[in-house]
Amino acid sequence: MIDFEEELKKFHPSLEMEDVEDAIYNQDVTDLADVLVKFVKEATVEETPMA
Protein backbone atom coordinates (compact mmCIF):
# COMPACT_ATOMS: atom_id res chain seq x y z
CA MET A 1 0.00 0.00 0.00
CA ILE A 2 1.17 3.56 -0.69
CA ASP A 3 2.18 5.67 2.28
CA PHE A 4 1.02 9.12 1.15
CA GLU A 5 2.79 10.94 3.98
CA GLU A 6 6.10 9.37 2.95
CA GLU A 7 5.49 10.18 -0.71
CA LEU A 8 4.68 13.81 0.13
CA LYS A 9 8.04 14.11 1.92
CA LYS A 10 9.77 13.07 -1.33
CA PHE A 11 7.81 15.57 -3.45
CA HIS A 12 9.73 18.35 -5.20
CA PRO A 13 7.69 20.90 -7.17
CA SER A 14 8.50 21.22 -10.84
CA LEU A 15 10.51 24.21 -12.01
CA GLU A 16 8.85 27.24 -13.51
CA MET A 17 9.58 27.88 -17.18
CA GLU A 18 12.22 30.56 -16.52
CA ASP A 19 13.97 28.33 -14.01
CA VAL A 20 13.95 25.48 -16.52
CA GLU A 21 15.60 27.71 -19.13
CA ASP A 22 18.30 28.75 -16.67
CA ALA A 23 18.90 25.15 -15.61
CA ILE A 24 19.27 24.04 -19.22
CA TYR A 25 21.42 26.90 -20.49
CA ASN A 26 23.74 26.92 -17.47
CA GLN A 27 24.76 23.30 -17.86
CA ASP A 28 28.14 22.65 -19.39
CA VAL A 29 27.23 19.67 -21.52
CA THR A 30 29.78 18.19 -23.90
CA ASP A 31 28.18 17.12 -27.14
CA LEU A 32 29.58 14.96 -29.92
CA ALA A 33 30.98 17.96 -31.81
CA ASP A 34 32.98 19.04 -28.73
CA VAL A 35 34.38 15.53 -28.35
CA LEU A 36 35.42 15.38 -32.01
CA VAL A 37 37.12 18.79 -31.82
CA LYS A 38 39.05 17.65 -28.75
CA PHE A 39 40.20 14.46 -30.50
CA VAL A 40 41.33 16.38 -33.59
CA LYS A 41 43.28 18.88 -31.46
CA GLU A 42 44.96 16.07 -29.53
CA ALA A 43 45.80 14.22 -32.74
CA THR A 44 47.34 17.30 -34.36
CA VAL A 45 49.44 18.01 -31.27
CA GLU A 46 50.76 14.43 -31.27
CA GLU A 47 51.56 14.53 -35.00
CA THR A 48 53.42 17.86 -35.00
CA PRO A 49 57.16 17.28 -34.89
CA MET A 50 59.10 18.94 -32.12
CA ALA A 51 61.41 21.72 -33.32
PDB file of N, CA and C in Angstrom:
ATOM      1  N   MET A   1       0.840  -1.176   0.000  1.00  0.00           N
ATOM      2  CA  MET A   1       0.000   0.000   0.000  1.00  0.00           C
ATOM      3  C   MET A   1       0.891   1.247   0.000  1.00  0.00           C
ATOM      4  N   ILE A   2       0.412   2.315  -0.580  1.00  0.00           N
ATOM      5  CA  ILE A   2       1.168   3.560  -0.691  1.00  0.00           C
ATOM      6  C   ILE A   2       1.025   4.370   0.591  1.00  0.00           C
ATOM      7  N   ASP A   3       2.165   4.795   1.111  1.00  0.00           N
ATOM      8  CA  ASP A   3       2.180   5.668   2.282  1.00  0.00           C
ATOM      9  C   ASP A   3       2.237   7.107   1.777  1.00  0.00           C
ATOM     10  N   PHE A   4       1.093   7.780   1.735  1.00  0.00           N
ATOM     11  CA  PHE A   4       1.017   9.116   1.154  1.00  0.00           C
ATOM     12  C   PHE A   4       1.860  10.134   1.908  1.00  0.00           C
ATOM     13  N   GLU A   5       1.968  10.003   3.200  1.00  0.00           N
ATOM     14  CA  GLU A   5       2.788  10.939   3.976  1.00  0.00           C
ATOM     15  C   GLU A   5       4.253  10.826   3.560  1.00  0.00           C
ATOM     16  N   GLU A   6       4.719   9.602   3.374  1.00  0.00           N
ATOM     17  CA  GLU A   6       6.101   9.371   2.954  1.00  0.00           C
ATOM     18  C   GLU A   6       6.327   9.899   1.542  1.00  0.00           C
ATOM     19  N   GLU A   7       5.372   9.687   0.666  1.00  0.00           N
ATOM     20  CA  GLU A   7       5.488  10.177  -0.706  1.00  0.00           C
ATOM     21  C   GLU A   7       5.489  11.701  -0.754  1.00  0.00           C
ATOM     22  N   LEU A   8       4.697  12.344   0.091  1.00  0.00           N
ATOM     23  CA  LEU A   8       4.676  13.806   0.131  1.00  0.00           C
ATOM     24  C   LEU A   8       6.015  14.377   0.603  1.00  0.00           C
ATOM     25  N   LYS A   9       6.718  13.653   1.461  1.00  0.00           N
ATOM     26  CA  LYS A   9       8.035  14.105   1.918  1.00  0.00           C
ATOM     27  C   LYS A   9       9.037  14.100   0.761  1.00  0.00           C
ATOM     28  N   LYS A  10       8.861  13.188  -0.183  1.00  0.00           N
ATOM     29  CA  LYS A  10       9.773  13.068  -1.326  1.00  0.00           C
ATOM     30  C   LYS A  10       9.447  14.065  -2.434  1.00  0.00           C
ATOM     31  N   PHE A  11       8.284  14.701  -2.368  1.00  0.00           N
ATOM     32  CA  PHE A  11       7.814  15.566  -3.447  1.00  0.00           C
ATOM     33  C   PHE A  11       8.680  16.807  -3.604  1.00  0.00           C
ATOM     34  N   HIS A  12       9.036  17.114  -4.845  1.00  0.00           N
ATOM     35  CA  HIS A  12       9.730  18.347  -5.199  1.00  0.00           C
ATOM     36  C   HIS A  12       8.916  19.010  -6.302  1.00  0.00           C
ATOM     37  N   PRO A  13       8.490  20.244  -6.123  1.00  0.00           N
ATOM     38  CA  PRO A  13       7.688  20.897  -7.168  1.00  0.00           C
ATOM     39  C   PRO A  13       8.498  21.063  -8.448  1.00  0.00           C
ATOM     40  N   SER A  14       7.817  21.042  -9.563  1.00  0.00           N
ATOM     41  CA  SER A  14       8.500  21.224 -10.842  1.00  0.00           C
ATOM     42  C   SER A  14       8.949  22.671 -10.990  1.00  0.00           C
ATOM     43  N   LEU A  15       9.964  22.870 -11.803  1.00  0.00           N
ATOM     44  CA  LEU A  15      10.514  24.205 -12.006  1.00  0.00           C
ATOM     45  C   LEU A  15       9.581  25.040 -12.875  1.00  0.00           C
ATOM     46  N   GLU A  16       9.576  26.325 -12.635  1.00  0.00           N
ATOM     47  CA  GLU A  16       8.855  27.241 -13.511  1.00  0.00           C
ATOM     48  C   GLU A  16       9.625  27.357 -14.823  1.00  0.00           C
ATOM     49  N   MET A  17       8.973  27.850 -15.852  1.00  0.00           N
ATOM     50  CA  MET A  17       9.576  27.883 -17.179  1.00  0.00           C
ATOM     51  C   MET A  17      10.896  28.653 -17.194  1.00  0.00           C
ATOM     52  N   GLU A  18      10.983  29.795 -16.531  1.00  0.00           N
ATOM     53  CA  GLU A  18      12.225  30.561 -16.521  1.00  0.00           C
ATOM     54  C   GLU A  18      13.335  29.801 -15.804  1.00  0.00           C
ATOM     55  N   ASP A  19      12.975  29.105 -14.740  1.00  0.00           N
ATOM     56  CA  ASP A  19      13.969  28.325 -14.010  1.00  0.00           C
ATOM     57  C   ASP A  19      14.460  27.155 -14.855  1.00  0.00           C
ATOM     58  N   VAL A  20      13.561  26.585 -15.644  1.00  0.00           N
ATOM     59  CA  VAL A  20      13.952  25.482 -16.523  1.00  0.00           C
ATOM     60  C   VAL A  20      14.949  25.985 -17.560  1.00  0.00           C
ATOM     61  N   GLU A  21      14.670  27.140 -18.159  1.00  0.00           N
ATOM     62  CA  GLU A  21      15.599  27.712 -19.133  1.00  0.00           C
ATOM     63  C   GLU A  21      16.972  27.927 -18.517  1.00  0.00           C
ATOM     64  N   ASP A  22      17.014  28.506 -17.329  1.00  0.00           N
ATOM     65  CA  ASP A  22      18.297  28.747 -16.665  1.00  0.00           C
ATOM     66  C   ASP A  22      19.026  27.439 -16.379  1.00  0.00           C
ATOM     67  N   ALA A  23      18.288  26.447 -15.929  1.00  0.00           N
ATOM     68  CA  ALA A  23      18.901  25.154 -15.610  1.00  0.00           C
ATOM     69  C   ALA A  23      19.486  24.508 -16.862  1.00  0.00           C
ATOM     70  N   ILE A  24      18.795  24.648 -17.979  1.00  0.00           N
ATOM     71  CA  ILE A  24      19.271  24.037 -19.222  1.00  0.00           C
ATOM     72  C   ILE A  24      20.469  24.793 -19.780  1.00  0.00           C
ATOM     73  N   TYR A  25      20.363  26.116 -19.867  1.00  0.00           N
ATOM     74  CA  TYR A  25      21.424  26.896 -20.489  1.00  0.00           C
ATOM     75  C   TYR A  25      22.675  26.986 -19.628  1.00  0.00           C
ATOM     76  N   ASN A  26      22.578  26.815 -18.338  1.00  0.00           N
ATOM     77  CA  ASN A  26      23.742  26.924 -17.468  1.00  0.00           C
ATOM     78  C   ASN A  26      24.508  25.624 -17.312  1.00  0.00           C
ATOM     79  N   GLN A  27      24.038  24.557 -17.931  1.00  0.00           N
ATOM     80  CA  GLN A  27      24.757  23.295 -17.860  1.00  0.00           C
ATOM     81  C   GLN A  27      25.880  23.290 -18.882  1.00  0.00           C
ATOM     82  N   ASP A  28      27.013  22.783 -18.471  1.00  0.00           N
ATOM     83  CA  ASP A  28      28.143  22.649 -19.390  1.00  0.00           C
ATOM     84  C   ASP A  28      28.138  21.220 -19.906  1.00  0.00           C
ATOM     85  N   VAL A  29      27.396  21.012 -20.977  1.00  0.00           N
ATOM     86  CA  VAL A  29      27.234  19.667 -21.521  1.00  0.00           C
ATOM     87  C   VAL A  29      28.128  19.518 -22.745  1.00  0.00           C
ATOM     88  N   THR A  30      28.921  18.477 -22.755  1.00  0.00           N
ATOM     89  CA  THR A  30      29.778  18.194 -23.895  1.00  0.00           C
ATOM     90  C   THR A  30      28.982  17.375 -24.897  1.00  0.00           C
ATOM     91  N   ASP A  31      28.880  17.884 -26.122  1.00  0.00           N
ATOM     92  CA  ASP A  31      28.178  17.117 -27.140  1.00  0.00           C
ATOM     93  C   ASP A  31      29.194  16.444 -28.058  1.00  0.00           C
ATOM     94  N   LEU A  32      28.716  15.721 -29.036  1.00  0.00           N
ATOM     95  CA  LEU A  32      29.585  14.959 -29.924  1.00  0.00           C
ATOM     96  C   LEU A  32      30.546  15.867 -30.676  1.00  0.00           C
ATOM     97  N   ALA A  33      30.104  17.035 -31.087  1.00  0.00           N
ATOM     98  CA  ALA A  33      30.979  17.963 -31.810  1.00  0.00           C
ATOM     99  C   ALA A  33      32.153  18.385 -30.926  1.00  0.00           C
ATOM    100  N   ASP A  34      31.895  18.662 -29.653  1.00  0.00           N
ATOM    101  CA  ASP A  34      32.978  19.040 -28.729  1.00  0.00           C
ATOM    102  C   ASP A  34      33.987  17.912 -28.569  1.00  0.00           C
ATOM    103  N   VAL A  35      33.497  16.686 -28.494  1.00  0.00           N
ATOM    104  CA  VAL A  35      34.381  15.530 -28.350  1.00  0.00           C
ATOM    105  C   VAL A  35      35.254  15.371 -29.591  1.00  0.00           C
ATOM    106  N   LEU A  36      34.649  15.514 -30.770  1.00  0.00           N
ATOM    107  CA  LEU A  36      35.423  15.377 -32.007  1.00  0.00           C
ATOM    108  C   LEU A  36      36.481  16.472 -32.130  1.00  0.00           C
ATOM    109  N   VAL A  37      36.145  17.703 -31.769  1.00  0.00           N
ATOM    110  CA  VAL A  37      37.117  18.792 -31.818  1.00  0.00           C
ATOM    111  C   VAL A  37      38.281  18.493 -30.885  1.00  0.00           C
ATOM    112  N   LYS A  38      37.993  17.981 -29.715  1.00  0.00           N
ATOM    113  CA  LYS A  38      39.050  17.646 -28.755  1.00  0.00           C
ATOM    114  C   LYS A  38      39.977  16.573 -29.313  1.00  0.00           C
ATOM    115  N   PHE A  39      39.391  15.528 -29.924  1.00  0.00           N
ATOM    116  CA  PHE A  39      40.203  14.458 -30.498  1.00  0.00           C
ATOM    117  C   PHE A  39      41.077  14.969 -31.636  1.00  0.00           C
ATOM    118  N   VAL A  40      40.547  15.840 -32.475  1.00  0.00           N
ATOM    119  CA  VAL A  40      41.327  16.385 -33.587  1.00  0.00           C
ATOM    120  C   VAL A  40      42.473  17.225 -33.053  1.00  0.00           C
ATOM    121  N   LYS A  41      42.220  18.055 -32.044  1.00  0.00           N
ATOM    122  CA  LYS A  41      43.284  18.878 -31.463  1.00  0.00           C
ATOM    123  C   LYS A  41      44.382  18.010 -30.863  1.00  0.00           C
ATOM    124  N   GLU A  42      43.968  16.958 -30.136  1.00  0.00           N
ATOM    125  CA  GLU A  42      44.963  16.074 -29.532  1.00  0.00           C
ATOM    126  C   GLU A  42      45.767  15.342 -30.601  1.00  0.00           C
ATOM    127  N   ALA A  43      45.105  14.934 -31.672  1.00  0.00           N
ATOM    128  CA  ALA A  43      45.797  14.217 -32.740  1.00  0.00           C
ATOM    129  C   ALA A  43      46.787  15.131 -33.449  1.00  0.00           C
ATOM    130  N   THR A  44      46.417  16.385 -33.679  1.00  0.00           N
ATOM    131  CA  THR A  44      47.337  17.296 -34.362  1.00  0.00           C
ATOM    132  C   THR A  44      48.521  17.650 -33.470  1.00  0.00           C
ATOM    133  N   VAL A  45      48.330  17.734 -32.190  1.00  0.00           N
ATOM    134  CA  VAL A  45      49.436  18.010 -31.266  1.00  0.00           C
ATOM    135  C   VAL A  45      50.417  16.838 -31.254  1.00  0.00           C
ATOM    136  N   GLU A  46      49.893  15.623 -31.284  1.00  0.00           N
ATOM    137  CA  GLU A  46      50.761  14.433 -31.267  1.00  0.00           C
ATOM    138  C   GLU A  46      51.514  14.273 -32.581  1.00  0.00           C
ATOM    139  N   GLU A  47      50.938  14.717 -33.702  1.00  0.00           N
ATOM    140  CA  GLU A  47      51.560  14.530 -34.995  1.00  0.00           C
ATOM    141  C   GLU A  47      52.572  15.621 -35.324  1.00  0.00           C
ATOM    142  N   THR A  48      52.500  16.765 -34.680  1.00  0.00           N
ATOM    143  CA  THR A  48      53.415  17.861 -35.000  1.00  0.00           C
ATOM    144  C   THR A  48      54.806  17.518 -34.469  1.00  0.00           C
ATOM    145  N   PRO A  49      55.800  17.590 -35.349  1.00  0.00           N
ATOM    146  CA  PRO A  49      57.165  17.282 -34.894  1.00  0.00           C
ATOM    147  C   PRO A  49      57.696  18.399 -33.988  1.00  0.00           C
ATOM    148  N   MET A  50      58.480  17.978 -33.027  1.00  0.00           N
ATOM    149  CA  MET A  50      59.097  18.940 -32.119  1.00  0.00           C
ATOM    150  C   MET A  50      60.241  19.647 -32.840  1.00  0.00           C
ATOM    151  N   ALA A  51      60.355  20.940 -32.640  1.00  0.00           N
ATOM    152  CA  ALA A  51      61.407  21.716 -33.316  1.00  0.00           C
ATOM    153  C   ALA A  51      62.649  21.765 -32.473  1.00  0.00           C
TER     154      ALA A  51
END
